[in-house]
N, C-alpha and C. Protein backbone atom coordinates (compact mmCIF):
# COMPACT_ATOMS: atom_id res chain seq x y z
N UNK A 1 122.60 48.23 230.34
CA UNK A 1 122.09 49.68 230.63
C UNK A 1 123.17 50.74 230.48
N UNK A 2 123.00 51.81 229.72
CA UNK A 2 124.01 52.56 229.58
C UNK A 2 123.55 54.02 229.45
N UNK A 3 124.28 54.96 229.84
CA UNK A 3 124.01 56.35 229.57
C UNK A 3 125.01 56.88 228.39
N UNK A 4 124.54 57.18 227.32
CA UNK A 4 125.45 57.45 226.15
C UNK A 4 125.42 58.89 225.78
N UNK A 5 126.58 59.68 225.59
CA UNK A 5 126.59 60.90 225.09
C UNK A 5 126.80 60.74 223.63
N UNK A 6 125.87 61.18 222.72
CA UNK A 6 125.92 60.84 221.36
C UNK A 6 126.66 61.80 220.66
N UNK A 7 126.88 63.07 220.78
CA UNK A 7 127.53 63.99 219.99
C UNK A 7 128.11 65.03 220.67
N UNK A 8 128.74 66.18 219.94
CA UNK A 8 129.44 67.18 220.61
C UNK A 8 128.55 68.15 221.29
N UNK A 9 127.15 67.84 220.98
CA UNK A 9 126.27 68.87 221.72
C UNK A 9 125.77 68.22 223.00
N UNK A 10 126.40 67.23 223.28
CA UNK A 10 126.03 66.54 224.78
C UNK A 10 124.65 66.06 224.67
N UNK A 11 124.18 65.65 223.56
CA UNK A 11 122.82 64.95 223.47
C UNK A 11 122.96 63.56 224.25
N UNK A 12 122.31 63.34 225.30
CA UNK A 12 122.28 62.17 226.29
C UNK A 12 121.08 61.25 225.90
N UNK A 13 121.58 59.90 225.51
CA UNK A 13 120.42 58.85 225.37
C UNK A 13 120.71 57.85 226.61
N UNK A 14 119.56 57.45 226.97
CA UNK A 14 119.55 56.47 228.01
C UNK A 14 119.21 55.00 227.47
N UNK A 15 120.15 54.02 227.45
CA UNK A 15 119.70 52.88 226.73
C UNK A 15 119.76 51.54 227.56
N UNK A 16 118.72 50.96 227.36
CA UNK A 16 118.66 49.53 227.95
C UNK A 16 118.78 48.53 226.81
N UNK A 17 119.94 47.94 226.76
CA UNK A 17 120.36 47.03 225.59
C UNK A 17 120.66 45.57 225.96
N UNK A 18 120.23 44.57 225.12
CA UNK A 18 120.67 43.25 225.49
C UNK A 18 121.37 42.59 224.33
N UNK A 19 122.49 41.82 224.42
CA UNK A 19 122.96 41.19 223.51
C UNK A 19 123.48 39.70 223.90
N UNK A 20 122.73 38.81 223.18
CA UNK A 20 122.79 37.44 223.60
C UNK A 20 122.92 36.51 222.55
N UNK A 21 123.35 35.24 222.56
CA UNK A 21 123.44 34.29 221.66
C UNK A 21 122.03 33.75 221.03
N UNK A 22 121.07 33.70 222.11
CA UNK A 22 119.74 33.05 221.68
C UNK A 22 118.74 34.06 221.41
N UNK A 23 118.07 33.83 220.23
CA UNK A 23 117.03 34.69 219.74
C UNK A 23 115.88 34.75 220.53
N UNK A 24 115.36 33.52 220.92
CA UNK A 24 114.25 33.18 222.00
C UNK A 24 114.29 34.16 223.09
N UNK A 25 115.52 34.18 223.78
CA UNK A 25 115.83 34.89 225.02
C UNK A 25 115.59 36.53 224.65
N UNK A 26 116.36 36.88 223.54
CA UNK A 26 116.23 38.22 223.16
C UNK A 26 114.85 38.75 222.78
N UNK A 27 114.00 37.86 222.19
CA UNK A 27 112.75 38.10 221.93
C UNK A 27 111.92 38.37 223.04
N UNK A 28 111.91 37.63 223.91
CA UNK A 28 111.20 37.46 225.25
C UNK A 28 111.51 38.85 226.05
N UNK A 29 112.71 39.01 225.97
CA UNK A 29 113.18 40.38 226.79
C UNK A 29 112.78 41.45 226.02
N UNK A 30 112.57 41.51 224.82
CA UNK A 30 112.11 42.74 223.91
C UNK A 30 110.62 42.80 224.40
N UNK A 31 109.79 41.79 224.32
CA UNK A 31 108.40 41.76 224.65
C UNK A 31 108.17 42.41 225.95
N UNK A 32 108.89 41.90 227.09
CA UNK A 32 108.65 42.16 228.45
C UNK A 32 109.11 43.69 228.67
N UNK A 33 110.25 44.05 228.21
CA UNK A 33 110.86 45.38 228.52
C UNK A 33 109.80 46.57 227.69
N UNK A 34 109.22 46.22 226.50
CA UNK A 34 108.49 47.03 225.82
C UNK A 34 107.16 47.19 226.80
N UNK A 35 106.75 46.00 227.32
CA UNK A 35 105.49 46.04 228.10
C UNK A 35 105.73 47.15 229.34
N UNK A 36 106.95 47.02 230.06
CA UNK A 36 107.22 47.68 231.06
C UNK A 36 107.40 49.08 230.72
N UNK A 37 108.09 49.48 229.65
CA UNK A 37 108.13 50.86 229.17
C UNK A 37 107.06 51.49 228.32
N UNK A 38 106.01 50.61 228.20
CA UNK A 38 104.77 51.18 227.40
C UNK A 38 105.27 51.54 226.06
N UNK A 39 106.13 50.69 225.32
CA UNK A 39 106.64 51.21 224.08
C UNK A 39 106.28 49.94 223.04
N UNK A 40 106.46 50.24 221.77
CA UNK A 40 106.21 49.19 220.80
C UNK A 40 107.29 48.41 220.72
N UNK A 41 106.96 47.03 220.65
CA UNK A 41 107.98 45.93 220.83
C UNK A 41 109.00 46.08 219.47
N UNK A 42 110.07 45.85 219.72
CA UNK A 42 111.07 45.81 218.63
C UNK A 42 111.64 44.46 218.28
N UNK A 43 111.83 44.32 217.09
CA UNK A 43 112.26 42.91 216.73
C UNK A 43 113.78 42.76 216.97
N UNK A 44 114.30 41.83 217.59
CA UNK A 44 115.84 41.65 217.62
C UNK A 44 116.67 41.60 216.35
N UNK A 45 117.88 42.17 216.37
CA UNK A 45 118.50 42.36 215.08
C UNK A 45 119.87 41.39 215.31
N UNK A 46 120.30 40.80 214.40
CA UNK A 46 121.54 39.99 214.24
C UNK A 46 122.68 41.06 214.17
N UNK A 47 123.66 40.93 215.16
CA UNK A 47 124.81 41.77 214.87
C UNK A 47 126.06 41.09 214.45
N UNK A 48 127.06 41.84 214.14
CA UNK A 48 128.30 41.17 213.29
C UNK A 48 129.01 39.92 214.13
N UNK A 49 128.99 39.89 215.59
CA UNK A 49 129.70 38.86 216.23
C UNK A 49 128.71 37.65 216.27
N UNK A 50 127.54 37.68 215.59
CA UNK A 50 126.64 36.41 215.67
C UNK A 50 125.46 36.52 216.69
N UNK A 51 125.59 37.48 217.48
CA UNK A 51 124.63 37.63 218.71
C UNK A 51 123.35 38.39 218.25
N UNK A 52 122.35 38.20 218.97
CA UNK A 52 121.20 39.18 218.67
C UNK A 52 121.19 40.38 219.81
N UNK A 53 120.69 41.51 219.19
CA UNK A 53 120.63 42.71 219.99
C UNK A 53 119.22 43.30 219.95
N UNK A 54 118.88 43.80 221.01
CA UNK A 54 117.65 44.61 221.12
C UNK A 54 118.05 46.00 222.04
N UNK A 55 117.47 47.09 221.74
CA UNK A 55 117.64 48.16 222.85
C UNK A 55 116.51 49.15 222.82
N UNK A 56 116.36 49.67 223.95
CA UNK A 56 115.22 50.61 224.01
C UNK A 56 115.82 51.86 224.97
N UNK A 57 115.28 53.02 224.63
CA UNK A 57 115.67 54.25 225.34
C UNK A 57 114.55 54.45 226.47
N UNK A 58 115.11 54.90 227.62
CA UNK A 58 114.23 55.42 228.59
C UNK A 58 114.84 56.05 229.61
N UNK A 59 114.69 57.39 229.90
CA UNK A 59 115.35 57.97 230.98
C UNK A 59 114.80 57.51 232.29
N UNK A 60 113.50 57.49 232.32
CA UNK A 60 112.91 56.97 233.76
C UNK A 60 113.30 55.66 234.14
N UNK A 61 113.38 54.75 233.19
CA UNK A 61 113.78 53.43 233.71
C UNK A 61 115.36 53.38 233.96
N UNK A 62 116.00 54.19 233.27
CA UNK A 62 117.50 54.30 233.50
C UNK A 62 117.53 54.82 234.89
N UNK A 63 117.11 55.89 235.35
CA UNK A 63 117.12 56.46 236.59
C UNK A 63 116.77 55.57 237.72
N UNK A 64 115.64 54.76 237.45
CA UNK A 64 115.14 53.91 238.42
C UNK A 64 116.22 52.67 238.66
N UNK A 65 116.62 52.31 237.60
CA UNK A 65 117.55 51.01 237.73
C UNK A 65 118.88 51.60 238.07
N UNK A 66 119.36 52.69 237.91
CA UNK A 66 120.59 53.24 238.44
C UNK A 66 120.71 52.99 240.02
N UNK A 67 119.78 53.09 240.75
CA UNK A 67 119.87 53.14 242.18
C UNK A 67 120.13 51.63 242.65
N UNK A 68 120.08 50.65 241.88
CA UNK A 68 120.36 49.22 241.97
C UNK A 68 121.64 48.77 241.58
N UNK A 69 122.61 49.74 241.29
CA UNK A 69 123.99 49.42 240.59
C UNK A 69 124.84 48.67 241.76
N UNK A 70 124.52 48.79 243.03
CA UNK A 70 125.28 48.15 244.08
C UNK A 70 125.02 46.68 244.08
N UNK A 71 125.42 45.95 245.22
CA UNK A 71 125.06 44.49 245.14
C UNK A 71 123.74 44.06 245.35
N UNK A 72 123.42 42.90 244.74
CA UNK A 72 122.16 42.29 244.99
C UNK A 72 121.68 42.36 246.32
N UNK A 73 122.66 41.98 247.23
CA UNK A 73 122.27 41.69 248.69
C UNK A 73 121.92 43.12 249.24
N UNK A 74 122.54 44.18 248.87
CA UNK A 74 122.06 45.41 249.36
C UNK A 74 120.85 45.88 249.05
N UNK A 75 120.28 45.35 247.86
CA UNK A 75 119.02 45.89 247.24
C UNK A 75 117.82 44.84 247.39
N UNK A 76 118.16 43.69 247.91
CA UNK A 76 117.29 42.61 247.96
C UNK A 76 116.01 43.21 248.52
N UNK A 77 115.73 43.66 249.77
CA UNK A 77 114.65 44.08 250.19
C UNK A 77 113.90 45.02 249.38
N UNK A 78 114.43 46.00 248.65
CA UNK A 78 113.67 46.91 247.72
C UNK A 78 113.41 46.26 246.47
N UNK A 79 114.31 45.50 246.01
CA UNK A 79 113.88 44.50 244.74
C UNK A 79 112.97 43.56 244.80
N UNK A 80 112.75 42.92 245.94
CA UNK A 80 111.78 41.89 246.24
C UNK A 80 110.31 42.37 246.20
N UNK A 81 110.10 43.79 246.42
CA UNK A 81 108.75 44.38 246.36
C UNK A 81 108.35 44.33 244.91
N UNK A 82 109.26 44.52 244.05
CA UNK A 82 108.91 44.37 242.62
C UNK A 82 108.66 42.86 242.04
N UNK A 83 109.72 42.05 242.48
CA UNK A 83 109.74 40.74 242.21
C UNK A 83 108.57 39.90 242.49
N UNK A 84 108.12 40.20 243.84
CA UNK A 84 107.16 39.45 244.55
C UNK A 84 105.81 40.16 244.48
N UNK A 85 105.66 41.11 243.64
CA UNK A 85 104.37 41.80 243.45
C UNK A 85 103.15 40.97 243.39
N UNK A 86 103.40 39.90 242.48
CA UNK A 86 102.32 38.94 242.41
C UNK A 86 102.91 37.62 241.81
N UNK A 87 102.36 36.62 241.87
CA UNK A 87 102.78 35.30 241.35
C UNK A 87 103.46 35.25 239.88
N UNK A 88 102.57 36.17 239.21
CA UNK A 88 103.08 36.28 237.70
C UNK A 88 104.61 37.18 237.48
N UNK A 89 104.70 38.18 238.39
CA UNK A 89 105.98 38.72 238.30
C UNK A 89 107.05 37.75 238.85
N UNK A 90 106.81 36.84 239.83
CA UNK A 90 107.78 35.83 240.30
C UNK A 90 108.13 34.93 239.23
N UNK A 91 107.24 34.47 238.43
CA UNK A 91 107.15 33.55 237.24
C UNK A 91 108.16 34.24 236.30
N UNK A 92 108.00 35.39 235.88
CA UNK A 92 108.85 36.00 234.98
C UNK A 92 110.25 36.13 235.44
N UNK A 93 110.32 36.52 236.68
CA UNK A 93 111.74 36.74 237.21
C UNK A 93 112.46 35.40 237.12
N UNK A 94 111.80 34.36 237.56
CA UNK A 94 112.56 33.04 237.59
C UNK A 94 112.71 32.56 236.14
N UNK A 95 111.82 32.75 235.36
CA UNK A 95 111.98 32.46 234.00
C UNK A 95 113.35 33.00 233.31
N UNK A 96 113.32 34.37 233.63
CA UNK A 96 114.55 35.21 233.08
C UNK A 96 115.76 34.52 233.78
N UNK A 97 115.81 34.38 235.04
CA UNK A 97 117.13 33.59 235.54
C UNK A 97 117.44 32.33 235.00
N UNK A 98 116.39 31.54 234.75
CA UNK A 98 116.81 30.37 234.20
C UNK A 98 117.08 30.23 232.78
N UNK A 99 116.46 31.16 231.99
CA UNK A 99 116.73 31.45 230.54
C UNK A 99 118.14 31.81 230.62
N UNK A 100 118.75 32.86 231.34
CA UNK A 100 120.17 33.30 231.29
C UNK A 100 121.08 32.37 231.89
N UNK A 101 120.84 31.83 233.06
CA UNK A 101 121.90 31.03 233.73
C UNK A 101 121.62 29.61 234.05
N UNK A 102 120.50 29.07 233.44
CA UNK A 102 120.07 27.67 233.88
C UNK A 102 120.23 26.62 232.64
N UNK A 103 120.25 25.42 233.12
CA UNK A 103 120.25 24.31 232.06
C UNK A 103 119.13 23.34 232.24
N UNK A 104 118.76 22.80 231.46
CA UNK A 104 117.97 21.58 231.59
C UNK A 104 118.60 20.29 230.70
N UNK A 105 118.99 19.46 231.73
CA UNK A 105 119.58 18.11 231.25
C UNK A 105 118.58 17.22 230.94
N UNK A 106 117.99 17.18 229.67
CA UNK A 106 117.12 16.25 229.25
C UNK A 106 115.84 15.77 230.15
N UNK A 107 115.46 16.90 230.68
CA UNK A 107 114.22 16.75 231.70
C UNK A 107 114.55 16.03 232.84
N UNK A 108 115.81 15.77 232.99
CA UNK A 108 116.21 14.87 234.30
C UNK A 108 116.68 15.63 235.51
N UNK A 109 117.19 16.77 235.27
CA UNK A 109 117.76 17.87 236.18
C UNK A 109 117.65 19.25 235.59
N UNK A 110 117.20 20.15 236.52
CA UNK A 110 117.44 21.59 236.08
C UNK A 110 118.44 22.12 236.93
N UNK A 111 119.21 23.07 236.54
CA UNK A 111 120.16 23.58 237.28
C UNK A 111 120.14 25.08 237.18
N UNK A 112 120.43 26.00 238.01
CA UNK A 112 120.84 27.37 237.95
C UNK A 112 122.01 27.78 238.48
N UNK A 113 122.83 28.31 237.80
CA UNK A 113 124.49 28.71 238.18
C UNK A 113 124.55 30.19 238.40
N UNK A 114 125.24 30.68 239.28
CA UNK A 114 125.60 32.00 239.40
C UNK A 114 126.81 32.22 240.36
N UNK A 115 127.40 33.36 240.39
CA UNK A 115 128.50 33.52 241.36
C UNK A 115 127.90 34.27 242.64
N UNK A 116 126.64 34.65 242.61
CA UNK A 116 126.04 35.40 243.63
C UNK A 116 125.18 34.18 244.44
N UNK A 117 125.80 33.80 245.45
CA UNK A 117 124.99 32.88 246.36
C UNK A 117 123.61 33.32 246.70
N UNK A 118 123.57 34.67 247.20
CA UNK A 118 122.37 35.16 247.78
C UNK A 118 121.30 35.18 246.79
N UNK A 119 121.62 35.39 245.46
CA UNK A 119 120.75 35.30 244.25
C UNK A 119 120.07 33.95 244.23
N UNK A 120 120.88 32.95 244.43
CA UNK A 120 120.56 31.55 244.35
C UNK A 120 119.67 31.17 245.44
N UNK A 121 119.93 31.85 246.64
CA UNK A 121 119.17 31.32 247.86
C UNK A 121 117.74 32.01 247.63
N UNK A 122 117.80 33.37 246.99
CA UNK A 122 116.48 33.98 246.74
C UNK A 122 115.61 33.15 245.89
N UNK A 123 116.14 32.78 244.85
CA UNK A 123 115.57 31.92 243.63
C UNK A 123 114.95 30.59 244.33
N UNK A 124 115.74 29.98 245.26
CA UNK A 124 115.32 28.79 245.95
C UNK A 124 114.01 29.01 246.75
N UNK A 125 114.10 30.20 247.50
CA UNK A 125 112.96 30.63 248.28
C UNK A 125 111.79 30.90 247.49
N UNK A 126 111.83 31.54 246.29
CA UNK A 126 110.79 31.87 245.37
C UNK A 126 110.14 30.55 244.89
N UNK A 127 110.97 29.61 244.37
CA UNK A 127 110.54 28.26 243.75
C UNK A 127 109.67 27.51 244.85
N UNK A 128 110.38 27.43 246.17
CA UNK A 128 109.71 26.80 247.32
C UNK A 128 108.48 27.44 247.68
N UNK A 129 108.25 28.72 247.87
CA UNK A 129 107.21 29.50 248.43
C UNK A 129 106.01 29.58 247.45
N UNK A 130 106.34 29.93 246.30
CA UNK A 130 105.39 30.29 245.20
C UNK A 130 104.94 29.10 244.33
N UNK A 131 105.82 27.98 244.17
CA UNK A 131 105.48 26.86 243.27
C UNK A 131 105.72 25.84 243.78
N UNK A 132 105.97 25.61 245.21
CA UNK A 132 106.18 24.40 245.94
C UNK A 132 107.04 23.32 245.25
N UNK A 133 108.02 23.87 244.73
CA UNK A 133 109.15 23.05 244.02
C UNK A 133 110.22 22.83 245.04
N UNK A 134 110.66 21.68 245.27
CA UNK A 134 111.75 21.35 246.06
C UNK A 134 113.10 21.59 245.42
N UNK A 135 114.09 22.37 246.03
CA UNK A 135 115.32 22.70 245.24
C UNK A 135 116.38 22.43 246.29
N UNK A 136 117.38 21.68 245.65
CA UNK A 136 118.62 21.50 246.23
C UNK A 136 119.72 22.40 246.12
N UNK A 137 120.47 22.73 247.36
CA UNK A 137 121.50 23.77 247.30
C UNK A 137 121.18 24.92 247.91
N UNK A 138 121.95 26.13 247.67
CA UNK A 138 122.96 26.37 246.69
C UNK A 138 124.35 25.58 247.29
N UNK A 139 124.98 25.06 246.47
CA UNK A 139 126.16 24.43 246.59
C UNK A 139 127.43 25.04 245.81
N UNK A 140 128.67 25.10 246.44
CA UNK A 140 129.72 25.47 245.45
C UNK A 140 130.16 24.48 244.38
N UNK A 141 130.11 25.05 243.28
CA UNK A 141 130.57 24.18 241.99
C UNK A 141 131.87 24.37 241.61
N UNK A 142 132.48 25.66 241.48
CA UNK A 142 133.78 25.76 241.04
C UNK A 142 134.32 26.85 241.92
N UNK A 143 135.55 26.77 242.48
CA UNK A 143 136.25 27.96 243.22
C UNK A 143 136.77 28.89 242.18
N UNK A 144 137.16 30.00 242.48
CA UNK A 144 137.70 31.02 241.76
C UNK A 144 139.19 30.46 241.25
N UNK A 145 139.43 30.73 239.98
CA UNK A 145 140.67 30.19 239.47
C UNK A 145 140.63 28.88 238.86
N UNK A 146 139.47 28.24 238.90
CA UNK A 146 139.18 26.75 238.35
C UNK A 146 139.34 26.98 236.76
N UNK A 147 140.12 26.05 236.25
CA UNK A 147 140.29 26.12 234.74
C UNK A 147 139.38 25.12 234.41
N UNK A 148 138.52 25.60 233.13
CA UNK A 148 137.45 24.49 232.73
C UNK A 148 137.69 24.67 231.14
N UNK A 149 137.52 23.52 230.49
CA UNK A 149 137.65 23.43 228.95
C UNK A 149 136.28 23.08 228.43
N UNK A 150 135.79 23.97 227.51
CA UNK A 150 134.42 23.77 227.03
C UNK A 150 134.32 22.74 225.80
N UNK A 151 133.34 22.57 225.38
CA UNK A 151 133.10 21.56 224.28
C UNK A 151 133.85 21.97 223.07
N UNK A 152 133.87 23.25 222.65
CA UNK A 152 134.40 23.94 221.54
C UNK A 152 135.91 24.13 221.59
N UNK A 153 136.57 23.66 222.76
CA UNK A 153 138.01 23.70 223.00
C UNK A 153 138.47 24.96 223.73
N UNK A 154 137.43 25.91 223.90
CA UNK A 154 137.95 27.10 224.56
C UNK A 154 138.10 26.78 225.88
N UNK A 155 139.19 27.35 226.66
CA UNK A 155 139.47 27.14 227.93
C UNK A 155 139.07 28.59 228.68
N UNK A 156 138.46 28.27 229.84
CA UNK A 156 137.90 29.31 230.70
C UNK A 156 138.49 29.28 232.04
N UNK A 157 138.86 30.35 232.63
CA UNK A 157 139.36 30.43 234.06
C UNK A 157 138.13 31.05 234.82
N UNK A 158 137.58 30.52 235.86
CA UNK A 158 136.51 31.11 236.68
C UNK A 158 137.26 32.21 237.41
N UNK A 159 136.55 33.45 237.26
CA UNK A 159 137.10 34.64 238.09
C UNK A 159 136.40 34.57 239.45
N UNK A 160 135.48 33.99 239.65
CA UNK A 160 134.60 33.97 240.99
C UNK A 160 134.24 32.64 241.28
N UNK A 161 134.04 32.35 242.71
CA UNK A 161 133.33 31.25 242.99
C UNK A 161 131.97 30.90 242.17
N UNK A 162 131.64 29.84 241.65
CA UNK A 162 130.26 29.68 241.17
C UNK A 162 129.61 28.79 241.86
N UNK A 163 128.29 29.03 242.13
CA UNK A 163 127.38 28.06 242.97
C UNK A 163 126.28 27.60 242.13
N UNK A 164 125.66 26.54 242.52
CA UNK A 164 124.39 26.03 241.68
C UNK A 164 123.32 25.71 242.59
N UNK A 165 122.04 25.75 242.17
CA UNK A 165 120.84 25.11 242.90
C UNK A 165 120.35 24.12 241.79
N UNK A 166 119.62 23.11 242.16
CA UNK A 166 119.14 22.06 241.24
C UNK A 166 117.86 21.61 241.84
N UNK A 167 117.11 21.21 240.78
CA UNK A 167 115.85 20.50 240.78
C UNK A 167 115.91 19.20 240.11
N UNK A 168 115.58 18.11 240.94
CA UNK A 168 115.90 16.89 240.29
C UNK A 168 114.76 15.76 240.52
N UNK A 169 113.79 16.10 241.37
CA UNK A 169 112.59 15.16 241.45
C UNK A 169 111.80 15.50 240.24
N UNK A 170 111.26 14.30 239.49
CA UNK A 170 110.58 14.36 238.20
C UNK A 170 109.32 15.24 238.28
N UNK A 171 108.48 15.10 239.47
CA UNK A 171 107.18 15.87 239.58
C UNK A 171 107.67 17.36 239.69
N UNK A 172 108.74 17.71 240.32
CA UNK A 172 109.18 19.06 240.44
C UNK A 172 109.66 19.69 239.09
N UNK A 173 110.32 18.79 238.26
CA UNK A 173 110.76 19.24 237.03
C UNK A 173 109.56 19.49 236.09
N UNK A 174 108.68 18.71 236.14
CA UNK A 174 107.43 18.86 235.63
C UNK A 174 106.65 20.15 235.94
N UNK A 175 106.56 20.18 237.13
CA UNK A 175 105.85 21.38 237.70
C UNK A 175 106.57 22.71 237.12
N UNK A 176 107.89 22.66 237.24
CA UNK A 176 108.61 23.90 236.72
C UNK A 176 108.31 24.29 235.31
N UNK A 177 108.41 23.30 234.47
CA UNK A 177 108.30 23.42 232.98
C UNK A 177 106.85 23.89 232.65
N UNK A 178 105.84 23.35 233.30
CA UNK A 178 104.64 23.76 233.08
C UNK A 178 104.33 25.07 233.71
N UNK A 179 104.55 25.49 234.97
CA UNK A 179 104.18 26.78 235.61
C UNK A 179 105.43 27.77 235.41
N UNK A 180 106.35 27.74 235.33
CA UNK A 180 107.38 28.64 235.01
C UNK A 180 108.01 28.65 233.47
N UNK A 181 108.69 27.44 233.28
CA UNK A 181 109.25 27.08 232.08
C UNK A 181 110.35 28.14 231.52
N UNK A 182 110.91 27.87 230.37
CA UNK A 182 112.02 28.51 229.64
C UNK A 182 111.33 29.29 228.43
N UNK A 183 111.85 30.25 228.07
CA UNK A 183 111.32 31.13 226.92
C UNK A 183 112.17 30.58 225.69
N UNK A 184 113.24 29.91 226.16
CA UNK A 184 114.14 29.35 224.96
C UNK A 184 113.84 27.92 224.74
N UNK A 185 113.24 27.68 223.50
CA UNK A 185 112.65 26.40 223.29
C UNK A 185 113.38 25.15 223.44
N UNK A 186 114.81 25.37 223.02
CA UNK A 186 115.86 24.24 223.24
C UNK A 186 115.91 23.83 224.71
N UNK A 187 115.76 24.75 225.72
CA UNK A 187 115.95 24.62 227.04
C UNK A 187 114.53 23.86 227.67
N UNK A 188 113.34 24.46 227.04
CA UNK A 188 112.21 23.85 227.35
C UNK A 188 111.97 22.39 227.12
N UNK A 189 112.28 22.00 225.94
CA UNK A 189 112.36 20.59 225.61
C UNK A 189 113.39 19.70 226.18
N UNK A 190 114.49 20.48 226.72
CA UNK A 190 115.60 19.58 227.32
C UNK A 190 116.51 19.09 226.53
N UNK A 191 116.94 19.67 225.44
CA UNK A 191 118.05 19.32 224.48
C UNK A 191 119.37 19.87 224.83
């Protein structure tokens, strides 16, 4: 989300944009944000670095979201009114989190990772309260400064502590996949 001054006449545009590697995630974001903004759905576009991009303009949404720029913890009470509006909004919130920061290990374990422990505790609360899914954690996965080598050989140094929550009971995994699921097809099938 950004406020962009377009030219010398100080024309201001208020953009909500998403740039991600996964087309399915970008498409779902586009469908949902178009519904929220009451706008026509835009098709994601491939950009030079190989990622997918979609953007919308909305002054009202920008102004509303701007008040949440501080930490998640500071805004949890206010945000929970929107997230817990009904079971469907909880479902979409959790699906978005798991699409962005979750994994499905061959339908044997589901994990959600983040540096914000409060966010993971809240996700655990929502899974247990609204879907009766047992969740393990959050637990510390990596300390800040941990060096990790990815499959492609790239080396990453963690800038913050990383926590995770997990779903490991088969019945709970099936319940998650049926009632919440992933919008990213490769994550939904567990590959």
